[in-house]
Amino acid sequence: MQISQLYRRGVVRPLDDDASKQLANFKIEDSLRTEWLPILSDSQFMEIWKTGILQRINEACGIGISDYEDVELHSSQVGLALQVIRSDRDIVDSPLLFFQQLAALLEAAIDTEKNVYFIF
């Protein structure tokens, strides 16, 4: 199964090495342990996109998060993505719970030295 079939619209963090291997291949072959931060609707995605934070993460990390793309953020770049979020006062103070949850997911990924996957 393609990763986007299981985790459509969200950010995924593997919780163990087996999940890391499957996610790195963008293909799910067996059950896996992950943390998933879902984006539940097109309107929620557009609200997040309009803040510009995903575009700033792209720029800082040299990746290509966009609508309908599956992107791997290497563990060496996760700290940089977290820094982008924390440095934007509007995002830090945003009423959108998504940004607080994304920051927590990235912090956990740093602690476990795991890649993060943006599945859009």
Protein backbone atom coordinates (compact mmCIF):
# COMPACT_ATOMS: atom_id res chain seq x y z
CA MET A 1 0.00 0.00 0.00
CA GLN A 2 1.27 3.47 -0.84
CA ILE A 3 1.98 5.64 2.19
CA SER A 4 -0.46 8.32 1.00
CA GLN A 5 -3.31 5.79 1.04
CA LEU A 6 -2.89 5.33 4.79
CA TYR A 7 -1.78 8.79 5.89
CA ARG A 8 -3.45 11.14 3.42
CA ARG A 9 -2.91 14.73 4.49
CA GLY A 10 -0.76 14.72 7.54
CA VAL A 11 2.66 14.58 9.12
CA VAL A 12 4.01 11.19 10.19
CA ARG A 13 6.79 10.25 12.59
CA PRO A 14 7.97 6.62 12.78
CA LEU A 15 8.18 5.21 16.28
CA ASP A 16 10.60 2.36 15.56
CA ASP A 17 13.15 1.21 12.99
CA ASP A 18 10.68 -1.01 11.11
CA ALA A 19 8.32 1.93 10.61
CA SER A 20 11.27 4.07 9.51
CA LYS A 21 12.21 1.54 6.83
CA GLN A 22 8.68 1.27 5.46
CA LEU A 23 8.12 5.02 5.45
CA ALA A 24 11.48 5.63 3.75
CA ASN A 25 10.22 3.46 0.87
CA PHE A 26 6.89 5.33 0.84
CA LYS A 27 5.25 1.92 0.87
CA ILE A 28 3.50 0.13 3.72
CA GLU A 29 3.99 -3.64 3.69
CA ASP A 30 3.11 -4.55 7.26
CA SER A 31 1.69 -2.98 10.40
CA LEU A 32 3.78 -0.14 11.71
CA ARG A 33 4.01 2.13 14.72
CA THR A 34 3.78 5.84 14.00
CA GLU A 35 2.61 9.16 15.31
CA TRP A 36 0.29 10.84 12.81
CA LEU A 37 -0.72 14.49 12.87
CA PRO A 38 -3.68 14.61 10.48
CA ILE A 39 -4.97 17.50 8.43
CA LEU A 40 -8.65 16.68 8.35
CA SER A 41 -9.93 18.77 5.46
CA ASP A 42 -8.93 20.74 2.38
CA SER A 43 -9.94 23.95 4.17
CA GLN A 44 -7.67 23.15 7.12
CA PHE A 45 -4.79 22.48 4.72
CA MET A 46 -5.42 25.81 2.95
CA GLU A 47 -5.50 27.65 6.28
CA ILE A 48 -2.14 26.12 7.22
CA TRP A 49 -0.70 26.75 3.73
CA LYS A 50 -1.73 30.42 3.76
CA THR A 51 0.37 31.06 6.87
CA GLY A 52 3.48 30.44 4.75
CA ILE A 53 5.14 28.27 7.39
CA LEU A 54 5.38 25.19 5.17
CA GLN A 55 6.97 27.30 2.44
CA ARG A 56 9.51 28.66 4.96
CA ILE A 57 10.31 25.11 6.09
CA ASN A 58 10.84 24.21 2.43
CA GLU A 59 13.22 27.12 1.96
CA ALA A 60 15.19 26.48 5.15
CA CYS A 61 15.49 22.73 4.61
CA GLY A 62 15.73 22.56 0.81
CA ILE A 63 12.66 20.33 0.49
CA GLY A 64 9.42 20.57 -1.48
CA ILE A 65 6.38 20.31 0.79
CA SER A 66 3.32 21.14 -1.30
CA ASP A 67 -0.21 19.99 -1.87
CA TYR A 68 -0.33 16.40 -3.17
CA GLU A 69 3.33 15.67 -2.45
CA ASP A 70 4.96 13.16 -0.11
CA VAL A 71 8.16 14.59 1.32
CA GLU A 72 10.75 13.12 3.66
CA LEU A 73 12.39 15.52 6.11
CA HIS A 74 15.68 13.93 7.11
CA SER A 75 16.42 13.71 10.82
CA SER A 76 19.36 16.12 10.36
CA GLN A 77 16.90 18.79 9.15
CA VAL A 78 14.15 18.32 11.75
CA GLY A 79 15.77 20.77 14.18
CA LEU A 80 15.92 23.40 11.46
CA ALA A 81 12.22 22.94 10.69
CA LEU A 82 11.42 23.30 14.39
CA GLN A 83 13.52 26.46 14.53
CA VAL A 84 11.52 27.92 11.62
CA ILE A 85 8.28 27.31 13.51
CA ARG A 86 9.58 28.72 16.81
CA SER A 87 11.02 31.82 15.16
CA ASP A 88 7.67 32.89 13.68
CA ARG A 89 5.75 34.80 16.36
CA ASP A 90 2.49 34.59 14.38
CA ILE A 91 2.79 30.81 14.24
CA VAL A 92 3.78 30.46 17.88
CA ASP A 93 0.77 32.56 18.91
CA SER A 94 -1.57 31.06 16.31
CA PRO A 95 -4.91 29.71 17.49
CA LEU A 96 -4.38 26.76 15.11
CA LEU A 97 -3.55 23.80 17.36
CA PHE A 98 -1.81 22.16 14.39
CA PHE A 99 1.35 24.25 14.82
CA GLN A 100 1.74 23.37 18.50
CA GLN A 101 1.21 19.71 17.67
CA LEU A 102 3.68 19.89 14.77
CA ALA A 103 6.31 21.44 17.05
CA ALA A 104 5.79 18.63 19.58
CA LEU A 105 6.05 15.99 16.84
CA LEU A 106 9.29 17.54 15.57
CA GLU A 107 10.71 17.69 19.11
CA ALA A 108 9.97 13.99 19.55
CA ALA A 109 11.61 13.23 16.19
CA ILE A 110 14.73 15.06 17.32
CA ASP A 111 14.83 13.01 20.53
CA THR A 112 14.56 9.73 18.60
CA GLU A 113 16.66 10.87 15.61
CA LYS A 114 13.93 9.82 13.18
CA ASN A 115 12.91 11.31 9.84
CA VAL A 116 9.52 13.02 9.50
CA TYR A 117 7.16 12.59 6.54
CA PHE A 118 4.83 15.25 5.16
CA ILE A 119 2.12 13.38 3.29
CA PHE A 120 0.01 15.79 1.25
